[in-house]
Amino acid sequence: MDIHQVERLADLSRLSLRPQEAERMRGELSSILSYFATLDKADVSKGPAPRETPHDGVLRDDLVRPSKPEEILEGVPQRKGRYVKAPKVF
């Protein structure tokens, strides 16, 4: 990975890197890409089959249940009456 690619990635990521940071990142990113290239060459065709997790293919039926607003708001940390209090966003 060359320094121009690092600068381009930093620009796309909205990062501001000093020259010594960009050089350090070049080395680190090159190392990471080299590791992935090593993994890409690994022969996994003779390995064990992937294991299934206990949740594979197990879905529960969706059930429509009546609910009360009071029950829904029980877990809300801050509220005012039947409204949720939240910090201003803008």
Protein backbone atom coordinates (compact mmCIF):
# COMPACT_ATOMS: atom_id res chain seq x y z
CA MET A 1 0.00 0.00 0.00
CA ASP A 2 1.49 3.34 -0.95
CA ILE A 3 1.14 6.68 0.82
CA HIS A 4 -1.32 7.99 -1.78
CA GLN A 5 -3.73 5.15 -1.04
CA VAL A 6 -3.47 5.89 2.69
CA GLU A 7 -4.18 9.57 2.07
CA ARG A 8 -7.17 8.65 -0.11
CA LEU A 9 -8.56 6.32 2.58
CA ALA A 10 -8.04 9.01 5.21
CA ASP A 11 -9.87 11.53 3.01
CA LEU A 12 -12.78 9.15 2.44
CA SER A 13 -12.91 8.45 6.18
CA ARG A 14 -12.81 12.16 6.98
CA LEU A 15 -9.56 11.72 8.92
CA SER A 16 -6.81 14.24 9.14
CA LEU A 17 -3.41 12.54 9.30
CA ARG A 18 -0.04 14.16 9.84
CA PRO A 19 2.72 12.82 7.57
CA GLN A 20 4.22 10.60 10.29
CA GLU A 21 0.74 9.21 11.11
CA ALA A 22 0.10 8.48 7.44
CA GLU A 23 3.40 6.63 7.19
CA ARG A 24 2.62 4.58 10.30
CA MET A 25 -0.85 3.77 8.94
CA ARG A 26 0.72 2.72 5.63
CA GLY A 27 2.81 0.15 7.46
CA GLU A 28 -0.08 -1.09 9.58
CA LEU A 29 -2.52 -1.33 6.65
CA SER A 30 0.09 -3.11 4.53
CA SER A 31 0.59 -5.62 7.34
CA ILE A 32 -3.16 -6.23 7.61
CA LEU A 33 -3.53 -6.69 3.85
CA SER A 34 -0.56 -9.07 3.84
CA TYR A 35 -2.22 -11.13 6.56
CA PHE A 36 -5.45 -11.35 4.55
CA ALA A 37 -3.46 -12.42 1.49
CA THR A 38 -1.96 -15.23 3.60
CA LEU A 39 -5.42 -16.30 4.73
CA ASP A 40 -6.65 -16.21 1.15
CA LYS A 41 -3.99 -18.78 0.16
CA ALA A 42 -4.97 -21.22 2.92
CA ASP A 43 -6.39 -24.53 1.70
CA VAL A 44 -9.59 -25.07 3.64
CA SER A 45 -11.08 -27.69 1.32
CA LYS A 46 -9.93 -30.58 3.56
CA GLY A 47 -11.02 -29.02 6.82
CA PRO A 48 -14.10 -29.93 8.82
CA ALA A 49 -17.50 -28.82 7.58
CA PRO A 50 -18.83 -25.64 9.17
CA ARG A 51 -20.79 -26.33 12.33
CA GLU A 52 -24.39 -25.34 12.61
CA THR A 53 -25.39 -23.13 15.47
CA PRO A 54 -28.31 -24.15 17.68
CA HIS A 55 -30.36 -21.37 16.12
CA ASP A 56 -29.89 -22.33 12.46
CA GLY A 57 -33.27 -22.90 10.86
CA VAL A 58 -35.16 -22.42 14.11
CA LEU A 59 -37.69 -19.64 13.92
CA ARG A 60 -40.55 -18.96 16.25
CA ASP A 61 -43.97 -18.03 15.01
CA ASP A 62 -44.87 -14.37 15.15
CA LEU A 63 -47.69 -13.91 17.60
CA VAL A 64 -49.90 -10.86 17.72
CA ARG A 65 -50.51 -9.96 21.34
CA PRO A 66 -52.38 -7.05 22.79
CA SER A 67 -50.20 -4.61 24.67
CA LYS A 68 -50.79 -1.70 26.95
CA PRO A 69 -48.82 1.55 26.62
CA GLU A 70 -48.03 1.41 30.35
CA GLU A 71 -46.31 -1.96 29.90
CA ILE A 72 -44.26 -0.69 26.98
CA LEU A 73 -43.11 2.39 28.91
CA GLU A 74 -42.07 0.41 32.00
CA GLY A 75 -38.52 -0.02 30.70
CA VAL A 76 -38.04 3.60 29.64
CA PRO A 77 -35.51 5.34 31.90
CA GLN A 78 -37.01 8.83 31.59
CA ARG A 79 -40.53 9.74 30.68
CA LYS A 80 -43.07 12.44 31.23
CA GLY A 81 -46.54 10.99 31.52
CA ARG A 82 -47.01 8.73 28.53
CA TYR A 83 -44.17 10.33 26.55
CA VAL A 84 -40.52 9.32 26.39
CA LYS A 85 -38.07 12.04 27.46
CA ALA A 86 -34.98 12.20 25.28
CA PRO A 87 -32.19 14.74 24.85
CA LYS A 88 -32.47 17.29 22.07
CA VAL A 89 -30.81 16.17 18.87
CA PHE A 90 -30.38 19.51 17.14
